[in-house]
Amino acid sequence: MTAACWSAAAPVAAWAVLRLAGLERGPLVLTTAFTPYVAALAWVVVVPALALRRRAPAAVAALAALALLGAVAPRVLPDDRPPAAGPTLRLLTANLRLGSADPAGLVELVRARRVDVLTVQELTPRLAADLDRLGLATLLPHRSLSPEVGATGSGLYAREPLSDTGHRRNRGFFFTQAYGTVAVPGAPPLRVESAHPAAPYAVDVVPDWWTDQRAQPPATPTGGLTVLAGDFNATLDHAALRDLIATGYTDAADATGTGLGGTWGPYDGDPIPPVTIDHVLVDRRIAVRAAGTWPVPGSDHRALLAELRLPAA
């Protein structure tokens, strides 16, 4: 019984150490995404160990469970908002799954939710044309697009004029990231980029994932306002994403207490628990009023919508 209790407690303790120290490497990069599930199940180890009066493994498992809970629980607690007094901006980001997402569904979502800025990943030329044909050109007439066949395309659409537009190409999977500066009336210029680092789906591509994560543009807390929105292929349990946020960003879902809402996983029928790999990272001077996910037919991701209050110009 003692050996069995230690065998159960040791993996939970190891997971807590890896998560808190940011030691995920190799295949652990992929498994780290499921940390919230481990945090919820860790108590299953504690209770039997206590019932069997194996106090040492019970104590170790309890400490690990508390550590994991401390890392995950803040995502369901709203944060204080900065005193932003400018206009409201609704930003939607969506991975379009190799261009297979339903264009009519996405356009209707933009229309119904009164979206002001849209960032998309995996945008293909055919889907870009279909979106415009179905009304996106009228709803969001300003754009910075790099549509490509396959998964590498990217796009930024806006209701207000864009300047300094373009795109850059990541070194990992060569995903592009469209960007531009939005001229929102009553607010300072807002630079928005559609983020899409490499996915760590296999051990041999993890180095590409690290390369792309480290290449994401940091926040500029003493400069202009910046928003990164897209499929980061990382959760808040990955050290690389936490390091990026520490430069001066706020995760919109985390700030509103909706940080555990899944954005990828079972939405195309795969038997995978949902994980949160799509994010809207905003400059900390921007107040996040609401955030939530919405289904996109034909995609394996859910779209993420954030309502932002910008600083006044």
Protein backbone atom coordinates (compact mmCIF):
# COMPACT_ATOMS: atom_id res chain seq x y z
CA MET A 1 0.00 0.00 0.00
CA THR A 2 2.83 2.40 0.82
CA ALA A 3 4.53 1.70 -2.50
CA ALA A 4 1.26 2.16 -4.35
CA CYS A 5 0.64 5.52 -2.66
CA TRP A 6 4.12 6.76 -3.54
CA SER A 7 3.70 5.53 -7.12
CA ALA A 8 0.59 7.67 -7.40
CA ALA A 9 1.97 10.72 -5.59
CA ALA A 10 5.31 10.90 -7.43
CA PRO A 11 3.91 11.76 -10.91
CA VAL A 12 1.71 14.49 -9.45
CA ALA A 13 4.68 15.97 -7.58
CA ALA A 14 6.87 15.77 -10.70
CA TRP A 15 4.20 17.50 -12.78
CA ALA A 16 3.96 20.32 -10.24
CA VAL A 17 7.74 20.82 -10.25
CA LEU A 18 7.90 20.87 -14.05
CA ARG A 19 5.00 23.32 -14.30
CA LEU A 20 6.16 25.73 -11.61
CA ALA A 21 9.78 25.72 -12.79
CA GLY A 22 8.89 25.90 -16.49
CA LEU A 23 10.98 22.84 -17.30
CA GLU A 24 8.85 21.43 -20.13
CA ARG A 25 11.03 20.06 -22.90
CA GLY A 26 10.56 17.52 -25.69
CA PRO A 27 7.26 15.61 -25.39
CA LEU A 28 6.51 17.40 -22.12
CA VAL A 29 5.73 20.54 -24.15
CA LEU A 30 2.66 18.78 -25.53
CA THR A 31 1.52 17.23 -22.25
CA THR A 32 1.92 20.49 -20.33
CA ALA A 33 -1.18 21.79 -22.11
CA PHE A 34 -3.29 19.40 -20.02
CA THR A 35 -2.13 20.75 -16.65
CA PRO A 36 -5.63 21.96 -15.63
CA TYR A 37 -6.87 18.38 -15.81
CA VAL A 38 -4.00 17.16 -13.64
CA ALA A 39 -4.75 19.91 -11.13
CA ALA A 40 -8.35 18.71 -10.91
CA LEU A 41 -7.45 15.01 -10.62
CA ALA A 42 -4.54 15.38 -8.20
CA TRP A 43 -6.89 15.22 -5.24
CA VAL A 44 -7.85 11.70 -6.31
CA VAL A 45 -4.38 10.69 -5.10
CA VAL A 46 -4.58 12.57 -1.81
CA VAL A 47 -7.83 11.11 -0.50
CA PRO A 48 -6.94 7.38 -0.76
CA ALA A 49 -3.49 8.01 0.73
CA LEU A 50 -5.09 9.71 3.72
CA ALA A 51 -7.66 6.95 4.04
CA LEU A 52 -4.84 4.39 4.10
CA ARG A 53 -2.96 6.52 6.68
CA ARG A 54 0.09 6.89 4.42
CA ARG A 55 0.81 10.40 5.60
CA ALA A 56 4.05 11.09 3.77
CA PRO A 57 2.80 10.37 0.22
CA ALA A 58 -0.49 12.05 1.12
CA ALA A 59 1.36 15.19 2.21
CA VAL A 60 3.51 15.26 -0.93
CA ALA A 61 0.46 14.78 -3.17
CA ALA A 62 -1.46 17.46 -1.28
CA LEU A 63 1.34 20.00 -1.62
CA ALA A 64 1.63 19.24 -5.35
CA ALA A 65 -2.13 19.50 -5.79
CA LEU A 66 -2.19 22.86 -4.01
CA ALA A 67 0.67 24.12 -6.17
CA LEU A 68 -1.13 23.11 -9.36
CA LEU A 69 -4.37 24.60 -8.09
CA GLY A 70 -2.56 27.85 -7.36
CA ALA A 71 -1.27 27.94 -10.92
CA VAL A 72 -4.62 27.20 -12.56
CA ALA A 73 -7.31 28.69 -10.30
CA PRO A 74 -6.55 32.40 -11.03
CA ARG A 75 -7.85 31.85 -14.57
CA VAL A 76 -11.40 31.70 -13.26
CA LEU A 77 -11.03 34.87 -11.17
CA PRO A 78 -11.42 38.26 -12.89
CA ASP A 79 -8.59 40.77 -12.50
CA ASP A 80 -8.79 44.47 -11.77
CA ARG A 81 -9.08 46.62 -14.88
CA PRO A 82 -6.73 49.48 -15.72
CA PRO A 83 -8.38 52.92 -15.84
CA ALA A 84 -8.86 53.04 -19.62
CA ALA A 85 -11.36 55.71 -20.70
CA GLY A 86 -11.25 55.46 -24.49
CA PRO A 87 -13.48 53.74 -27.05
CA THR A 88 -14.56 50.09 -26.98
CA LEU A 89 -13.10 47.66 -29.52
CA ARG A 90 -14.40 44.14 -30.22
CA LEU A 91 -11.67 41.83 -31.47
CA LEU A 92 -12.24 38.30 -32.77
CA THR A 93 -9.56 35.74 -33.60
CA ALA A 94 -10.17 32.44 -35.39
CA ASN A 95 -8.09 29.58 -36.78
CA LEU A 96 -9.76 28.56 -40.06
CA ARG A 97 -8.29 25.03 -40.30
CA LEU A 98 -6.58 24.95 -43.69
CA GLY A 99 -9.28 27.19 -45.11
CA SER A 100 -12.03 24.65 -44.38
CA ALA A 101 -14.03 26.85 -41.99
CA ASP A 102 -17.52 27.83 -43.10
CA PRO A 103 -17.22 31.38 -44.52
CA ALA A 104 -20.91 32.16 -44.06
CA GLY A 105 -20.73 31.18 -40.40
CA LEU A 106 -17.69 33.35 -39.77
CA VAL A 107 -19.19 36.37 -41.54
CA GLU A 108 -22.41 35.98 -39.56
CA LEU A 109 -20.41 35.82 -36.33
CA VAL A 110 -18.61 39.04 -37.26
CA ARG A 111 -21.92 40.70 -38.09
CA ALA A 112 -23.85 39.46 -35.05
CA ARG A 113 -21.12 40.28 -32.52
CA ARG A 114 -20.33 43.65 -34.16
CA VAL A 115 -16.65 42.79 -34.51
CA ASP A 116 -14.29 45.71 -35.18
CA VAL A 117 -11.06 43.76 -35.75
CA LEU A 118 -10.67 40.18 -36.97
CA THR A 119 -7.46 38.16 -37.01
CA VAL A 120 -7.43 34.79 -38.77
CA GLN A 121 -4.93 31.99 -39.18
CA GLU A 122 -4.72 29.34 -41.92
CA LEU A 123 -6.38 31.68 -44.42
CA THR A 124 -6.41 30.37 -48.00
CA PRO A 125 -6.99 32.42 -51.19
CA ARG A 126 -10.29 30.66 -51.87
CA LEU A 127 -11.63 31.27 -48.37
CA ALA A 128 -10.52 34.91 -48.48
CA ALA A 129 -12.52 35.38 -51.68
CA ASP A 130 -15.56 33.62 -50.21
CA LEU A 131 -15.47 35.78 -47.09
CA ASP A 132 -15.49 38.96 -49.15
CA ARG A 133 -18.23 37.63 -51.45
CA LEU A 134 -20.42 36.91 -48.42
CA GLY A 135 -20.07 40.39 -46.98
CA LEU A 136 -16.85 40.65 -44.98
CA ALA A 137 -15.54 43.28 -47.41
CA THR A 138 -18.41 45.53 -46.35
CA LEU A 139 -18.25 44.79 -42.64
CA LEU A 140 -14.45 45.04 -42.33
CA PRO A 141 -13.19 46.83 -45.45
CA HIS A 142 -9.61 47.44 -44.32
CA ARG A 143 -7.22 44.49 -44.34
CA SER A 144 -3.69 43.12 -44.30
CA LEU A 145 -3.75 39.64 -45.86
CA SER A 146 -1.28 36.91 -46.73
CA PRO A 147 -3.54 34.06 -47.91
CA GLU A 148 -1.74 30.85 -48.88
CA VAL A 149 -2.77 27.32 -49.74
CA GLY A 150 -2.51 25.08 -46.66
CA ALA A 151 -1.94 26.21 -43.09
CA THR A 152 0.51 29.09 -43.53
CA GLY A 153 -1.86 31.94 -44.48
CA SER A 154 -2.83 34.80 -42.19
CA GLY A 155 -5.11 37.80 -42.18
CA LEU A 156 -6.05 40.98 -40.36
CA TYR A 157 -9.39 42.71 -41.07
CA ALA A 158 -10.57 45.97 -39.54
CA ARG A 159 -13.55 48.32 -39.57
CA GLU A 160 -11.28 51.37 -39.28
CA PRO A 161 -8.34 52.26 -41.55
CA LEU A 162 -5.06 50.37 -41.29
CA SER A 163 -1.52 51.62 -41.78
CA ASP A 164 1.96 50.07 -41.64
CA THR A 165 0.50 46.79 -42.89
CA GLY A 166 2.45 43.68 -43.84
CA HIS A 167 3.26 40.18 -42.68
CA ARG A 168 6.21 38.25 -41.38
CA ARG A 169 7.01 34.56 -41.71
CA ASN A 170 7.91 32.37 -38.75
CA ARG A 171 10.92 30.08 -39.06
CA GLY A 172 9.24 26.95 -37.64
CA PHE A 173 6.38 25.86 -39.92
CA PHE A 174 6.68 29.07 -41.97
CA PHE A 175 3.30 30.28 -40.75
CA THR A 176 2.79 33.93 -41.67
CA GLN A 177 1.58 36.59 -39.25
CA ALA A 178 -0.30 39.53 -40.77
CA TYR A 179 -0.10 42.84 -38.95
CA GLY A 180 -1.15 46.45 -39.18
CA THR A 181 -1.88 49.56 -37.13
CA VAL A 182 -5.56 50.34 -36.56
CA ALA A 183 -6.67 53.98 -36.41
CA VAL A 184 -9.45 53.78 -33.80
CA PRO A 185 -11.16 57.20 -33.36
CA GLY A 186 -10.51 58.57 -29.89
CA ALA A 187 -7.67 56.14 -29.07
CA PRO A 188 -3.93 56.00 -29.74
CA PRO A 189 -2.79 53.95 -32.76
CA LEU A 190 -3.18 50.24 -32.07
CA ARG A 191 -0.82 47.69 -33.62
CA VAL A 192 -2.49 44.30 -34.08
CA GLU A 193 -0.78 41.08 -35.21
CA SER A 194 -2.30 37.70 -36.04
CA ALA A 195 -0.12 35.28 -34.06
CA HIS A 196 0.56 31.72 -35.22
CA PRO A 197 3.72 30.03 -33.88
CA ALA A 198 4.55 26.43 -34.79
CA ALA A 199 2.60 23.57 -33.19
CA PRO A 200 4.52 21.08 -30.97
CA TYR A 201 2.67 18.05 -32.36
CA ALA A 202 5.81 15.84 -32.44
CA VAL A 203 9.12 15.76 -30.58
CA ASP A 204 11.18 16.63 -33.65
CA VAL A 205 9.28 19.91 -34.19
CA VAL A 206 9.49 21.15 -30.60
CA PRO A 207 12.65 23.17 -31.43
CA ASP A 208 10.61 24.99 -34.13
CA TRP A 209 7.94 25.69 -31.52
CA TRP A 210 10.52 27.23 -29.19
CA THR A 211 11.96 29.31 -32.03
CA ASP A 212 8.59 30.74 -33.00
CA GLN A 213 7.49 31.38 -29.42
CA ARG A 214 10.63 33.37 -28.69
CA ALA A 215 10.19 35.36 -31.91
CA GLN A 216 6.78 36.77 -30.92
CA PRO A 217 6.91 40.56 -30.54
CA PRO A 218 7.11 41.65 -26.90
CA ALA A 219 4.84 44.26 -25.43
CA THR A 220 5.92 47.90 -25.51
CA PRO A 221 4.69 49.26 -22.16
CA THR A 222 6.46 52.59 -22.66
CA GLY A 223 5.63 52.83 -26.37
CA GLY A 224 2.64 52.24 -28.62
CA LEU A 225 -0.26 49.93 -27.86
CA THR A 226 0.08 46.35 -29.13
CA VAL A 227 -2.29 43.38 -29.36
CA LEU A 228 -1.30 39.84 -30.34
CA ALA A 229 -4.27 37.65 -31.17
CA GLY A 230 -4.34 34.18 -32.62
CA ASP A 231 -3.44 30.52 -32.32
CA PHE A 232 -0.36 30.48 -30.09
CA ASN A 233 -0.22 26.67 -29.88
CA ALA A 234 0.52 27.20 -26.18
CA THR A 235 -1.43 27.51 -22.96
CA LEU A 236 -0.81 29.61 -19.89
CA ASP A 237 0.98 26.59 -18.44
CA HIS A 238 3.80 26.93 -20.99
CA ALA A 239 6.73 28.99 -19.75
CA ALA A 240 7.35 30.46 -23.21
CA LEU A 241 3.90 32.07 -23.29
CA ARG A 242 4.15 33.26 -19.70
CA ASP A 243 7.50 34.89 -20.52
CA LEU A 244 5.90 36.71 -23.45
CA ILE A 245 3.02 37.93 -21.30
CA ALA A 246 5.50 39.14 -18.67
CA THR A 247 6.87 41.71 -21.14
CA GLY A 248 3.71 43.74 -20.56
CA TYR A 249 0.69 41.87 -21.91
CA THR A 250 -2.56 40.74 -20.33
CA ASP A 251 -4.32 37.57 -21.47
CA ALA A 252 -7.88 38.69 -22.18
CA ALA A 253 -9.61 35.47 -21.12
CA ASP A 254 -7.50 35.17 -17.99
CA ALA A 255 -8.29 38.78 -17.05
CA THR A 256 -12.05 38.17 -17.22
CA GLY A 257 -12.12 34.83 -15.39
CA THR A 258 -12.73 32.77 -18.54
CA GLY A 259 -9.18 31.51 -18.90
CA LEU A 260 -10.14 27.83 -18.83
CA GLY A 261 -12.45 28.01 -21.83
CA GLY A 262 -11.23 25.46 -24.39
CA THR A 263 -10.34 26.69 -27.86
CA TRP A 264 -8.95 23.52 -29.50
CA GLY A 265 -9.48 19.78 -29.13
CA PRO A 266 -12.69 17.90 -29.76
CA TYR A 267 -14.40 20.42 -32.04
CA ASP A 268 -13.79 18.41 -35.23
CA GLY A 269 -14.58 15.05 -33.64
CA ASP A 270 -11.17 14.11 -32.20
CA PRO A 271 -11.34 12.45 -28.74
CA ILE A 272 -9.11 15.11 -27.15
CA PRO A 273 -9.99 17.10 -24.04
CA PRO A 274 -10.28 20.80 -24.92
CA VAL A 275 -7.28 23.00 -24.21
CA THR A 276 -6.80 26.76 -24.39
CA ILE A 277 -4.21 27.54 -27.06
CA ASP A 278 -5.86 30.58 -28.71
CA HIS A 279 -5.33 33.88 -26.95
CA VAL A 280 -5.82 37.62 -27.19
CA LEU A 281 -2.85 39.30 -25.55
CA VAL A 282 -3.38 43.00 -24.97
CA ASP A 283 -1.19 45.82 -23.70
CA ARG A 284 -1.73 46.17 -19.94
CA ARG A 285 -2.99 49.70 -20.45
CA ILE A 286 -6.03 48.23 -22.23
CA ALA A 287 -8.99 47.15 -20.09
CA VAL A 288 -10.61 43.83 -20.98
CA ARG A 289 -14.36 44.03 -20.42
CA ALA A 290 -15.36 40.54 -21.61
CA ALA A 291 -13.98 37.48 -23.38
CA GLY A 292 -15.52 34.24 -24.61
CA THR A 293 -15.40 31.53 -27.23
CA TRP A 294 -17.70 30.92 -30.20
CA PRO A 295 -18.02 27.90 -32.51
CA VAL A 296 -16.77 28.16 -36.08
CA PRO A 297 -18.28 25.41 -38.27
CA GLY A 298 -15.63 23.52 -40.21
CA SER A 299 -12.77 24.44 -37.89
CA ASP A 300 -11.09 22.43 -35.13
CA HIS A 301 -10.79 25.65 -33.10
CA ARG A 302 -13.33 27.86 -31.42
CA ALA A 303 -13.09 31.58 -32.13
CA LEU A 304 -12.15 33.87 -29.24
CA LEU A 305 -13.90 37.22 -28.88
CA ALA A 306 -12.58 39.95 -26.58
CA GLU A 307 -14.24 43.26 -25.80
CA LEU A 308 -11.57 45.85 -25.05
CA ARG A 309 -11.65 49.37 -23.63
CA LEU A 310 -8.77 51.35 -25.08
CA PRO A 311 -6.99 54.28 -23.42
CA ALA A 312 -8.14 57.69 -24.60
CA ALA A 313 -6.05 59.49 -27.17
